[in-house]
Each structure stands twice: as C-alpha cells, then as structure tokens.
C-alpha atoms as a PDB file:
ATOM      1  CA  UNK A   1      19.567  -8.287 -13.418  1.00  0.00           C
ATOM      2  CA  UNK A   2      15.909  -9.031 -14.194  1.00  0.00           C
ATOM      3  CA  UNK A   3      15.215 -11.889 -16.539  1.00  0.00           C
ATOM      4  CA  UNK A   4      14.047 -11.147 -20.067  1.00  0.00           C
ATOM      5  CA  UNK A   5      10.457 -12.118 -20.976  1.00  0.00           C
ATOM      6  CA  UNK A   6      11.673 -15.361 -22.590  1.00  0.00           C
ATOM      7  CA  UNK A   7      13.947 -16.165 -19.639  1.00  0.00           C
ATOM      8  CA  UNK A   8      11.100 -15.421 -17.242  1.00  0.00           C
ATOM      9  CA  UNK A   9       8.814 -17.757 -19.195  1.00  0.00           C
ATOM     10  CA  UNK A  10      11.451 -20.493 -19.108  1.00  0.00           C
ATOM     11  CA  UNK A  11      12.028 -20.119 -15.367  1.00  0.00           C
ATOM     12  CA  UNK A  12       8.298 -20.224 -14.690  1.00  0.00           C
ATOM     13  CA  UNK A  13       8.090 -23.365 -16.837  1.00  0.00           C
ATOM     14  CA  UNK A  14      10.889 -24.969 -14.812  1.00  0.00           C
ATOM     15  CA  UNK A  15       9.067 -24.060 -11.628  1.00  0.00           C
ATOM     16  CA  UNK A  16       5.841 -25.446 -13.110  1.00  0.00           C
ATOM     17  CA  UNK A  17       4.217 -22.141 -12.287  1.00  0.00           C
ATOM     18  CA  UNK A  18       1.603 -20.222 -14.228  1.00  0.00           C
ATOM     19  CA  UNK A  19       1.145 -16.566 -13.207  1.00  0.00           C
ATOM     20  CA  UNK A  20      -2.102 -16.274 -11.275  1.00  0.00           C
ATOM     21  CA  UNK A  21      -4.257 -13.332 -12.324  1.00  0.00           C
ATOM     22  CA  UNK A  22      -6.235 -13.403  -9.078  1.00  0.00           C
ATOM     23  CA  UNK A  23      -2.969 -12.821  -7.173  1.00  0.00           C
ATOM     24  CA  UNK A  24      -1.861 -10.045  -9.518  1.00  0.00           C
ATOM     25  CA  UNK A  25       1.284 -11.912 -10.588  1.00  0.00           C
ATOM     26  CA  UNK A  26       3.020  -9.798 -13.234  1.00  0.00           C
ATOM     27  CA  UNK A  27       6.805 -10.099 -13.127  1.00  0.00           C
ATOM     28  CA  UNK A  28       9.004  -7.083 -13.862  1.00  0.00           C
ATOM     29  CA  UNK A  29      11.345  -7.688 -16.811  1.00  0.00           C
ATOM     30  CA  UNK A  30      12.863  -4.211 -17.145  1.00  0.00           C
ATOM     31  CA  UNK A  31      16.193  -3.827 -15.358  1.00  0.00           C
ATOM     32  CA  UNK A  32      16.048  -0.051 -15.474  1.00  0.00           C
ATOM     33  CA  UNK A  33      12.866  -0.063 -13.394  1.00  0.00           C
ATOM     34  CA  UNK A  34      14.379  -2.312 -10.749  1.00  0.00           C
ATOM     35  CA  UNK A  35      17.285   0.116 -10.480  1.00  0.00           C
ATOM     36  CA  UNK A  36      14.892   3.082 -10.496  1.00  0.00           C
ATOM     37  CA  UNK A  37      12.865   1.625  -7.628  1.00  0.00           C
ATOM     38  CA  UNK A  38      15.970   1.379  -5.444  1.00  0.00           C
ATOM     39  CA  UNK A  39      17.242   4.794  -6.527  1.00  0.00           C
ATOM     40  CA  UNK A  40      13.865   6.440  -5.947  1.00  0.00           C
ATOM     41  CA  UNK A  41      13.751   4.955  -2.440  1.00  0.00           C
ATOM     42  CA  UNK A  42      17.107   6.618  -1.663  1.00  0.00           C
ATOM     43  CA  UNK A  43      17.583   4.752   1.618  1.00  0.00           C
ATOM     44  CA  UNK A  44      20.593   4.339   3.872  1.00  0.00           C
ATOM     45  CA  UNK A  45      21.854   0.704   3.889  1.00  0.00           C
ATOM     46  CA  UNK A  46      20.870   0.210   7.540  1.00  0.00           C
ATOM     47  CA  UNK A  47      17.187   0.962   6.866  1.00  0.00           C
ATOM     48  CA  UNK A  48      15.050  -2.209   7.044  1.00  0.00           C
ATOM     49  CA  UNK A  49      12.839  -2.789   4.011  1.00  0.00           C
ATOM     50  CA  UNK A  50       9.437  -4.440   3.762  1.00  0.00           C
ATOM     51  CA  UNK A  51       8.644  -6.063   0.406  1.00  0.00           C
ATOM     52  CA  UNK A  52       5.239  -7.423  -0.516  1.00  0.00           C
ATOM     53  CA  UNK A  53       5.006 -10.064  -3.232  1.00  0.00           C
ATOM     54  CA  UNK A  54       8.715 -10.584  -4.006  1.00  0.00           C
ATOM     55  CA  UNK A  55       7.810 -13.069  -6.761  1.00  0.00           C
ATOM     56  CA  UNK A  56      10.965 -14.309  -8.505  1.00  0.00           C
ATOM     57  CA  UNK A  57      13.211 -12.202  -6.266  1.00  0.00           C
ATOM     58  CA  UNK A  58      14.716  -9.708  -8.724  1.00  0.00           C
ATOM     59  CA  UNK A  59      13.994  -6.586  -6.669  1.00  0.00           C
ATOM     60  CA  UNK A  60      14.617  -8.507  -3.452  1.00  0.00           C
ATOM     61  CA  UNK A  61      18.160  -9.429  -4.483  1.00  0.00           C
ATOM     62  CA  UNK A  62      18.900  -5.836  -5.485  1.00  0.00           C
ATOM     63  CA  UNK A  63      17.781  -4.612  -2.054  1.00  0.00           C
ATOM     64  CA  UNK A  64      19.813  -7.272  -0.280  1.00  0.00           C
ATOM     65  CA  UNK A  65      22.954  -6.454  -2.279  1.00  0.00           C
ATOM     66  CA  UNK A  66      22.434  -2.800  -1.304  1.00  0.00           C
ATOM     67  CA  UNK A  67      22.842  -3.889   2.316  1.00  0.00           C
ATOM     68  CA  UNK A  68      19.227  -3.767   3.514  1.00  0.00           C
ATOM     69  CA  UNK A  69      17.634  -6.303   5.818  1.00  0.00           C
ATOM     70  CA  UNK A  70      14.535  -7.329   3.891  1.00  0.00           C
ATOM     71  CA  UNK A  71      11.286  -8.598   5.373  1.00  0.00           C
ATOM     72  CA  UNK A  72       9.135 -10.099   2.627  1.00  0.00           C
ATOM     73  CA  UNK A  73       5.681 -11.646   2.413  1.00  0.00           C
ATOM     74  CA  UNK A  74       4.877 -14.090  -0.389  1.00  0.00           C
ATOM     75  CA  UNK A  75       1.655 -16.078  -0.522  1.00  0.00           C
ATOM     76  CA  UNK A  76       2.510 -18.380  -3.433  1.00  0.00           C
ATOM     77  CA  UNK A  77       3.961 -21.732  -2.372  1.00  0.00           C
ATOM     78  CA  UNK A  78       6.106 -22.310  -5.478  1.00  0.00           C
ATOM     79  CA  UNK A  79       7.515 -18.784  -5.499  1.00  0.00           C
ATOM     80  CA  UNK A  80       8.227 -19.045  -1.781  1.00  0.00           C
ATOM     81  CA  UNK A  81      10.229 -22.233  -2.385  1.00  0.00           C
ATOM     82  CA  UNK A  82      12.099 -20.608  -5.288  1.00  0.00           C
ATOM     83  CA  UNK A  83      13.027 -17.591  -3.168  1.00  0.00           C
ATOM     84  CA  UNK A  84      14.275 -19.781  -0.341  1.00  0.00           C
ATOM     85  CA  UNK A  85      16.530 -21.600  -2.769  1.00  0.00           C
ATOM     86  CA  UNK A  86      17.724 -18.569  -4.738  1.00  0.00           C
ATOM     87  CA  UNK A  87      18.399 -16.411  -1.666  1.00  0.00           C
ATOM     88  CA  UNK A  88      19.399 -19.144   0.778  1.00  0.00           C
ATOM     89  CA  UNK A  89      22.650 -17.415   1.761  1.00  0.00           C
ATOM     90  CA  UNK A  90      20.816 -14.239   2.767  1.00  0.00           C
ATOM     91  CA  UNK A  91      18.287 -16.261   4.763  1.00  0.00           C
ATOM     92  CA  UNK A  92      21.053 -18.130   6.574  1.00  0.00           C
ATOM     93  CA  UNK A  93      22.851 -14.896   7.426  1.00  0.00           C
ATOM     94  CA  UNK A  94      19.641 -13.397   8.834  1.00  0.00           C
ATOM     95  CA  UNK A  95      19.534 -10.582   6.278  1.00  0.00           C
ATOM     96  CA  UNK A  96      16.430 -11.917   4.529  1.00  0.00           C
ATOM     97  CA  UNK A  97      13.241 -12.840   6.391  1.00  0.00           C
ATOM     98  CA  UNK A  98      10.589 -14.469   4.225  1.00  0.00           C
ATOM     99  CA  UNK A  99       7.060 -15.195   5.455  1.00  0.00           C
ATOM    100  CA  UNK A 100       4.696 -17.307   3.368  1.00  0.00           C
ATOM    101  CA  UNK A 101       1.354 -15.710   4.114  1.00  0.00           C
ATOM    102  CA  UNK A 102      -1.447 -13.483   2.884  1.00  0.00           C
ATOM    103  CA  UNK A 103      -0.072  -9.931   3.029  1.00  0.00           C
ATOM    104  CA  UNK A 104      -3.564  -8.517   3.623  1.00  0.00           C
ATOM    105  CA  UNK A 105      -3.711 -10.498   6.877  1.00  0.00           C
ATOM    106  CA  UNK A 106      -0.019  -9.910   7.673  1.00  0.00           C
ATOM    107  CA  UNK A 107       0.710  -6.488   6.126  1.00  0.00           C
ATOM    108  CA  UNK A 108       4.143  -6.113   7.760  1.00  0.00           C
ATOM    109  CA  UNK A 109       5.196  -9.756   7.684  1.00  0.00           C
ATOM    110  CA  UNK A 110       7.727 -10.628  10.378  1.00  0.00           C
ATOM    111  CA  UNK A 111       8.888  -7.039  10.791  1.00  0.00           C
ATOM    112  CA  UNK A 112       9.256  -6.543  14.575  1.00  0.00           C
ATOM    113  CA  UNK A 113       6.426  -4.399  15.936  1.00  0.00           C
ATOM    114  CA  UNK A 114       8.995  -2.293  17.771  1.00  0.00           C
ATOM    115  CA  UNK A 115      10.547  -1.137  14.457  1.00  0.00           C
ATOM    116  CA  UNK A 116       9.841   2.562  14.076  1.00  0.00           C
ATOM    117  CA  UNK A 117      12.086   3.323  11.086  1.00  0.00           C
ATOM    118  CA  UNK A 118      11.561   1.165   8.001  1.00  0.00           C
ATOM    119  CA  UNK A 119      10.624   1.577   4.344  1.00  0.00           C
ATOM    120  CA  UNK A 120       8.435  -0.240   1.849  1.00  0.00           C
ATOM    121  CA  UNK A 121       9.876  -1.030  -1.586  1.00  0.00           C
ATOM    122  CA  UNK A 122       7.666  -3.350  -3.601  1.00  0.00           C
ATOM    123  CA  UNK A 123       6.107  -4.304  -6.888  1.00  0.00           C
ATOM    124  CA  UNK A 124       2.720  -4.619  -5.203  1.00  0.00           C
ATOM    125  CA  UNK A 125       0.380  -7.339  -6.476  1.00  0.00           C
ATOM    126  CA  UNK A 126      -2.407  -5.265  -8.018  1.00  0.00           C
ATOM    127  CA  UNK A 127      -5.135  -7.521  -6.655  1.00  0.00           C
ATOM    128  CA  UNK A 128      -4.336  -6.581  -3.041  1.00  0.00           C
ATOM    129  CA  UNK A 129      -2.850  -3.090  -3.287  1.00  0.00           C
ATOM    130  CA  UNK A 130      -5.760  -1.189  -1.690  1.00  0.00           C
ATOM    131  CA  UNK A 131      -6.497  -3.803   0.973  1.00  0.00           C
ATOM    132  CA  UNK A 132      -2.811  -4.066   1.901  1.00  0.00           C
ATOM    133  CA  UNK A 133      -2.501  -0.274   2.067  1.00  0.00           C
ATOM    134  CA  UNK A 134      -5.427  -0.150   4.494  1.00  0.00           C
ATOM    135  CA  UNK A 135      -3.555  -2.658   6.644  1.00  0.00           C
ATOM    136  CA  UNK A 136      -0.259  -0.778   6.660  1.00  0.00           C
ATOM    137  CA  UNK A 137      -2.023   2.466   7.567  1.00  0.00           C
ATOM    138  CA  UNK A 138      -3.499   0.729  10.599  1.00  0.00           C
ATOM    139  CA  UNK A 139      -0.221  -0.900  11.703  1.00  0.00           C
ATOM    140  CA  UNK A 140       1.579   0.083  14.941  1.00  0.00           C
ATOM    141  CA  UNK A 141       4.130   2.226  13.088  1.00  0.00           C
ATOM    142  CA  UNK A 142       4.092   3.827   9.654  1.00  0.00           C
ATOM    143  CA  UNK A 143       6.980   3.386   7.201  1.00  0.00           C
ATOM    144  CA  UNK A 144       9.170   6.446   6.678  1.00  0.00           C
ATOM    145  CA  UNK A 145       8.845   5.940   2.913  1.00  0.00           C
ATOM    146  CA  UNK A 146       6.977   3.790   0.410  1.00  0.00           C
ATOM    147  CA  UNK A 147       8.138   3.171  -3.154  1.00  0.00           C
ATOM    148  CA  UNK A 148       5.513   1.050  -4.843  1.00  0.00           C
ATOM    149  CA  UNK A 149       4.784  -0.229  -8.326  1.00  0.00           C
ATOM    150  CA  UNK A 150       1.019   0.039  -8.682  1.00  0.00           C
ATOM    151  CA  UNK A 151      -1.710  -0.043 -11.280  1.00  0.00           C
ATOM    152  CA  UNK A 152      -1.927   3.535 -12.555  1.00  0.00           C
ATOM    153  CA  UNK A 153      -5.631   3.698 -11.740  1.00  0.00           C
ATOM    154  CA  UNK A 154      -4.831   2.763  -8.130  1.00  0.00           C
ATOM    155  CA  UNK A 155      -2.357   5.641  -7.830  1.00  0.00           C
ATOM    156  CA  UNK A 156      -5.009   8.018  -9.152  1.00  0.00           C
ATOM    157  CA  UNK A 157      -7.367   6.924  -6.377  1.00  0.00           C
ATOM    158  CA  UNK A 158      -4.680   7.194  -3.723  1.00  0.00           C
ATOM    159  CA  UNK A 159      -3.698  10.708  -4.814  1.00  0.00           C
ATOM    160  CA  UNK A 160      -7.212  11.950  -5.577  1.00  0.00           C
ATOM    161  CA  UNK A 161      -8.346  15.274  -4.119  1.00  0.00           C
ATOM    162  CA  UNK A 162     -11.716  16.100  -2.578  1.00  0.00           C
ATOM    163  CA  UNK A 163     -14.407  16.902  -5.106  1.00  0.00           C
ATOM    164  CA  UNK A 164     -13.204  14.327  -7.651  1.00  0.00           C
ATOM    165  CA  UNK A 165     -14.766  10.974  -8.570  1.00  0.00           C
ATOM    166  CA  UNK A 166     -11.630   9.034  -7.604  1.00  0.00           C
ATOM    167  CA  UNK A 167     -11.552  10.488  -4.062  1.00  0.00           C
ATOM    168  CA  UNK A 168     -12.321   7.816  -1.474  1.00  0.00           C
ATOM    169  CA  UNK A 169     -11.626   6.707   2.088  1.00  0.00           C
ATOM    170  CA  UNK A 170      -8.149   5.397   1.216  1.00  0.00           C
ATOM    171  CA  UNK A 171      -7.257   8.760  -0.380  1.00  0.00           C
ATOM    172  CA  UNK A 172      -7.979  10.382   2.975  1.00  0.00           C
ATOM    173  CA  UNK A 173      -6.145   7.862   5.162  1.00  0.00           C
ATOM    174  CA  UNK A 174      -3.044   7.926   2.947  1.00  0.00           C
ATOM    175  CA  UNK A 175      -2.815  11.675   2.371  1.00  0.00           C
ATOM    176  CA  UNK A 176      -3.153  12.591   6.039  1.00  0.00           C
ATOM    177  CA  UNK A 177      -0.050  10.508   6.807  1.00  0.00           C
ATOM    178  CA  UNK A 178       2.054  10.752   3.612  1.00  0.00           C
ATOM    179  CA  UNK A 179       2.984  13.184   0.875  1.00  0.00           C
ATOM    180  CA  UNK A 180       3.779  12.360  -2.743  1.00  0.00           C
ATOM    181  CA  UNK A 181       7.526  12.597  -3.410  1.00  0.00           C
ATOM    182  CA  UNK A 182       7.993  10.882  -6.771  1.00  0.00           C
ATOM    183  CA  UNK A 183       6.052   9.448  -9.717  1.00  0.00           C
ATOM    184  CA  UNK A 184       7.057   7.544 -12.863  1.00  0.00           C
ATOM    185  CA  UNK A 185       4.678   6.079 -15.473  1.00  0.00           C
ATOM    186  CA  UNK A 186       5.349   2.466 -16.511  1.00  0.00           C
ATOM    187  CA  UNK A 187       3.918   0.775 -19.646  1.00  0.00           C
ATOM    188  CA  UNK A 188       2.515  -2.749 -19.520  1.00  0.00           C
ATOM    189  CA  UNK A 189       5.267  -4.269 -21.683  1.00  0.00           C
ATOM    190  CA  UNK A 190       7.710  -3.911 -18.781  1.00  0.00           C
ATOM    191  CA  UNK A 191       6.036  -6.953 -17.196  1.00  0.00           C
ATOM    192  CA  UNK A 192       5.495 -10.614 -17.956  1.00  0.00           C
ATOM    193  CA  UNK A 193       2.751 -11.350 -18.579  1.00  0.00           C
ATOM    194  CA  UNK A 194       1.982  -7.799 -19.728  1.00  0.00           C
ATOM    195  CA  UNK A 195      -1.097  -6.434 -17.924  1.00  0.00           C
ATOM    196  CA  UNK A 196      -3.827  -4.758 -19.951  1.00  0.00           C
ATOM    197  CA  UNK A 197      -3.357  -1.549 -17.939  1.00  0.00           C
ATOM    198  CA  UNK A 198      -0.517   0.894 -17.381  1.00  0.00           C
ATOM    199  CA  UNK A 199       1.335   1.070 -14.086  1.00  0.00           C
ATOM    200  CA  UNK A 200       3.182   3.704 -12.123  1.00  0.00           C
ATOM    201  CA  UNK A 201       6.084   3.822  -9.685  1.00  0.00           C
ATOM    202  CA  UNK A 202       4.990   5.972  -6.767  1.00  0.00           C
ATOM    203  CA  UNK A 203       7.011   7.326  -3.849  1.00  0.00           C
ATOM    204  CA  UNK A 204       5.232   8.490  -0.708  1.00  0.00           C
ATOM    205  CA  UNK A 205       7.115   9.984   2.271  1.00  0.00           C
ATOM    206  CA  UNK A 206       5.756  10.005   5.809  1.00  0.00           C
ATOM    207  CA  UNK A 207       4.787  13.494   6.931  1.00  0.00           C
ATOM    208  CA  UNK A 208       6.633  15.125   9.815  1.00  0.00           C
ATOM    209  CA  UNK A 209       3.399  14.988  11.802  1.00  0.00           C
ATOM    210  CA  UNK A 210       1.259  12.230  10.263  1.00  0.00           C
ATOM    211  CA  UNK A 211      -2.342  11.834  11.373  1.00  0.00           C
ATOM    212  CA  UNK A 212      -3.522   8.235  11.769  1.00  0.00           C
ATOM    213  CA  UNK A 213      -7.267   7.715  12.060  1.00  0.00           C
ATOM    214  CA  UNK A 214      -8.284   5.374  14.868  1.00  0.00           C
ATOM    215  CA  UNK A 215     -10.345   2.294  14.122  1.00  0.00           C
ATOM    216  CA  UNK A 216     -13.747   3.859  14.832  1.00  0.00           C
ATOM    217  CA  UNK A 217     -13.053   6.744  12.461  1.00  0.00           C
ATOM    218  CA  UNK A 218     -11.667   4.501   9.701  1.00  0.00           C
ATOM    219  CA  UNK A 219     -14.699   2.220   9.877  1.00  0.00           C
ATOM    220  CA  UNK A 220     -17.146   5.125   9.795  1.00  0.00           C
ATOM    221  CA  UNK A 221     -15.441   6.936   6.911  1.00  0.00           C
ATOM    222  CA  UNK A 222     -15.254   3.744   4.848  1.00  0.00           C
ATOM    223  CA  UNK A 223     -18.957   3.118   5.502  1.00  0.00           C
ATOM    224  CA  UNK A 224     -19.863   6.671   4.513  1.00  0.00           C
ATOM    225  CA  UNK A 225     -17.957   6.382   1.225  1.00  0.00           C
ATOM    226  CA  UNK A 226     -19.888   3.260   0.231  1.00  0.00           C
ATOM    227  CA  UNK A 227     -22.791   5.720  -0.136  1.00  0.00           C
ATOM    228  CA  UNK A 228     -20.786   8.631  -1.473  1.00  0.00           C
ATOM    229  CA  UNK A 229     -23.646  10.075  -3.530  1.00  0.00           C
ATOM    230  CA  UNK A 230     -25.901  10.494  -0.484  1.00  0.00           C
ATOM    231  CA  UNK A 231     -25.961  13.604   1.677  1.00  0.00           C
ATOM    232  CA  UNK A 232     -24.138  13.654   5.004  1.00  0.00           C
ATOM    233  CA  UNK A 233     -27.262  14.734   6.875  1.00  0.00           C
ATOM    234  CA  UNK A 234     -29.055  11.603   5.764  1.00  0.00           C
ATOM    235  CA  UNK A 235     -26.086   9.340   6.365  1.00  0.00           C
ATOM    236  CA  UNK A 236     -25.566  10.390   9.961  1.00  0.00           C
ATOM    237  CA  UNK A 237     -29.160   9.374  10.813  1.00  0.00           C
ATOM    238  CA  UNK A 238     -28.120   5.748  10.266  1.00  0.00           C
ATOM    239  CA  UNK A 239     -25.481   5.935  13.005  1.00  0.00           C
ATOM    240  CA  UNK A 240     -25.798   5.505  16.767  1.00  0.00           C
ATOM    241  CA  UNK A 241     -27.114   8.436  18.812  1.00  0.00           C
ATOM    242  CA  UNK A 242     -23.633   9.193  20.145  1.00  0.00           C
ATOM    243  CA  UNK A 243     -22.095   9.281  16.654  1.00  0.00           C
ATOM    244  CA  UNK A 244     -25.038  11.336  15.380  1.00  0.00           C
ATOM    245  CA  UNK A 245     -24.409  13.949  18.061  1.00  0.00           C
ATOM    246  CA  UNK A 246     -20.698  14.116  17.350  1.00  0.00           C
ATOM    247  CA  UNK A 247     -21.194  14.288  13.601  1.00  0.00           C
ATOM    248  CA  UNK A 248     -23.773  17.041  14.026  1.00  0.00           C
ATOM    249  CA  UNK A 249     -21.308  19.015  16.145  1.00  0.00           C
ATOM    250  CA  UNK A 250     -18.650  18.442  13.488  1.00  0.00           C
ATOM    251  CA  UNK A 251     -20.891  19.704  10.683  1.00  0.00           C
ATOM    252  CA  UNK A 252     -21.806  22.804  12.665  1.00  0.00           C
ATOM    253  CA  UNK A 253     -18.249  23.554  13.821  1.00  0.00           C
ATOM    254  CA  UNK A 254     -16.843  23.255  10.294  1.00  0.00           C
ATOM    255  CA  UNK A 255     -19.809  25.050   8.692  1.00  0.00           C
ATOM    256  CA  UNK A 256     -20.583  22.046   6.516  1.00  0.00           C
ATOM    257  CA  UNK A 257     -24.082  21.965   5.087  1.00  0.00           C
ATOM    258  CA  UNK A 258     -25.939  18.664   5.840  1.00  0.00           C
ATOM    259  CA  UNK A 259     -26.724  18.379   2.114  1.00  0.00           C
ATOM    260  CA  UNK A 260     -22.995  18.074   1.322  1.00  0.00           C
ATOM    261  CA  UNK A 261     -21.831  14.750  -0.130  1.00  0.00           C
ATOM    262  CA  UNK A 262     -18.845  12.846   1.353  1.00  0.00           C
ATOM    263  CA  UNK A 263     -16.577  13.406  -1.664  1.00  0.00           C
ATOM    264  CA  UNK A 264     -16.709  17.178  -1.085  1.00  0.00           C
ATOM    265  CA  UNK A 265     -15.177  16.978   2.401  1.00  0.00           C
ATOM    266  CA  UNK A 266     -11.435  17.699   2.580  1.00  0.00           C
ATOM    267  CA  UNK A 267      -8.964  15.426   4.353  1.00  0.00           C
ATOM    268  CA  UNK A 268      -8.417  18.127   6.983  1.00  0.00           C
ATOM    269  CA  UNK A 269     -12.156  18.196   7.738  1.00  0.00           C
ATOM    270  CA  UNK A 270     -12.242  14.411   8.074  1.00  0.00           C
ATOM    271  CA  UNK A 271      -9.415  14.715  10.608  1.00  0.00           C
ATOM    272  CA  UNK A 272     -11.623  17.045  12.652  1.00  0.00           C
ATOM    273  CA  UNK A 273     -14.336  14.379  12.676  1.00  0.00           C
ATOM    274  CA  UNK A 274     -11.835  11.697  13.655  1.00  0.00           C
ATOM    275  CA  UNK A 275     -10.824  13.707  16.701  1.00  0.00           C
ATOM    276  CA  UNK A 276     -14.451  13.972  17.847  1.00  0.00           C
ATOM    277  CA  UNK A 277     -15.326  10.288  17.540  1.00  0.00           C
ATOM    278  CA  UNK A 278     -15.037   7.849  20.469  1.00  0.00           C
ATOM    279  CA  UNK A 279     -12.062   5.492  20.226  1.00  0.00           C
ATOM    280  CA  UNK A 280     -12.015   1.727  20.700  1.00  0.00           C
ATOM    281  CA  UNK A 281      -9.179  -0.734  21.107  1.00  0.00           C
ATOM    282  CA  UNK A 282      -7.554  -1.708  17.817  1.00  0.00           C
END
C-alpha cells in the first residue's frame, strides 16, 4: 500500500531526500489510484511493463506482485538506492530491471529493442513528460498501451484537436499512433508534496495501424509549430528547395490554402506531408 503523507515525509527524511521540483518529484499517497492505474492498464501478467520515475516504488511493487517484468528508469541517486534495497528480491530474480539514467535520453530503459509487445504504466515526472513522450514515439517499437499519471494541462495538449490553441506537434505524433481509451481526473492532494495543479490518469491504446512519422517529418513539424501563428506559405520558403517543392505539392494535393496556419491542419493531413518528405536514418 502507498505510504500516507506523514509516512512519506518520514521515509524521505530517513533517506535524507528532499523532493526535487525540477525533476517533478511528487509521490502518490492515494492507494486507490495505485490500484486504479493497474486496473486501467488491464494487462496480462506476461506483458512486460516500462515504468518511468518509479520514485519510492509503490506502483512498481504493485506491478511486480501482479506478475509483470518491470523495466524502470530512475534518475535520482538516492531513490535508485532505495529501490534496489526495497525490491532486492525482484532484482535478484530478474523480474525487476532498474536503470539509473535520464529517461529523456533513455526513454525505454533496458527494455530489449526486440520487444514488440510491452506497456507503459507510470506516474510520469511532470518535468519530462512531453520530452519523454517524444522519445517513446521515436523508439523502435511502440507500446501496446500507456497508462500515465500526467499534469492535466499536459493531457489537454496531448489530446488537443486541430484548430485549438493546445494543438501542437506532440498532439499529432501521439494521435496518429494511439487512441484515448480511459481518463480519470486526480486532485493535487493525492500527492506529496501536493502540486499546485491538477493531474489526470490517462490511458492510450496503440492503434491497429499506427502511423509513425520519420525523423525528417518530426523535425519539420516541430519546427513549423514553433511559429504556429505564421502562414504555411511563408514558412515553407524557409526550407530547402526540395522540401519547398514537396510541401507545395502537399498543399495543392490537399487543397490547403498557403495562408492557412499550422494549427488548422488535421493529423491526417500531416500524415500526407510525412509520406512526401525524404527520409533519413534515425
């Protein structure tokens, strides 16, 4: 069971650890939400699980007791040491693989690259949620399911539709590969320390035929959205001649006016552009 706020404070004191805001360290202290995360994931016991930022190990232990092999990435040295002590038996048996690293640089930890069927279940550190998501969407294989605790504002950006202010490059990359399959609002008092914002538990399932943008397309779309208020006709003039030609063909084929702004383009239309762009090695 998760520790209460006072028990969490005491354990952190014993570990001589102060939650780091820059790492997004907010520890879940609501047992119902730990159970809900596992239930929402609805995974068979033989499905490997990737966990980012396991922290004090509450969710990790629940996943391990459910029979999953867990691959986790934890950047904090003290929390890494605590996890290795608390979950030593699972490490020794090979059921728990813990990598101390930056999850943005190692988005899938020690998960074997040949693994095609795995899930993500994590209380994602808010400070890295978008950057980590970009990494997982560019990994060799996509998870079959992701159940993530996120800042509510982050979920709004991820689920945003074209034509809205929250719509961005990550919205496109995520929604062309995954569909929303569950959502649960979570108030700040369910964490220690309590964040000043609300959170949400989000489930995303991999589509039957996901579309993954190649590196050239991802880089271009991100660059375009840094100037989202400018018109596409003007933006394409800043690209190489080859990209200009392909973007011009894309605009014409899809009957998109050059005065259109990036946020008005649907995910399906961005896919059409991705297919026209030259690819490079990842």
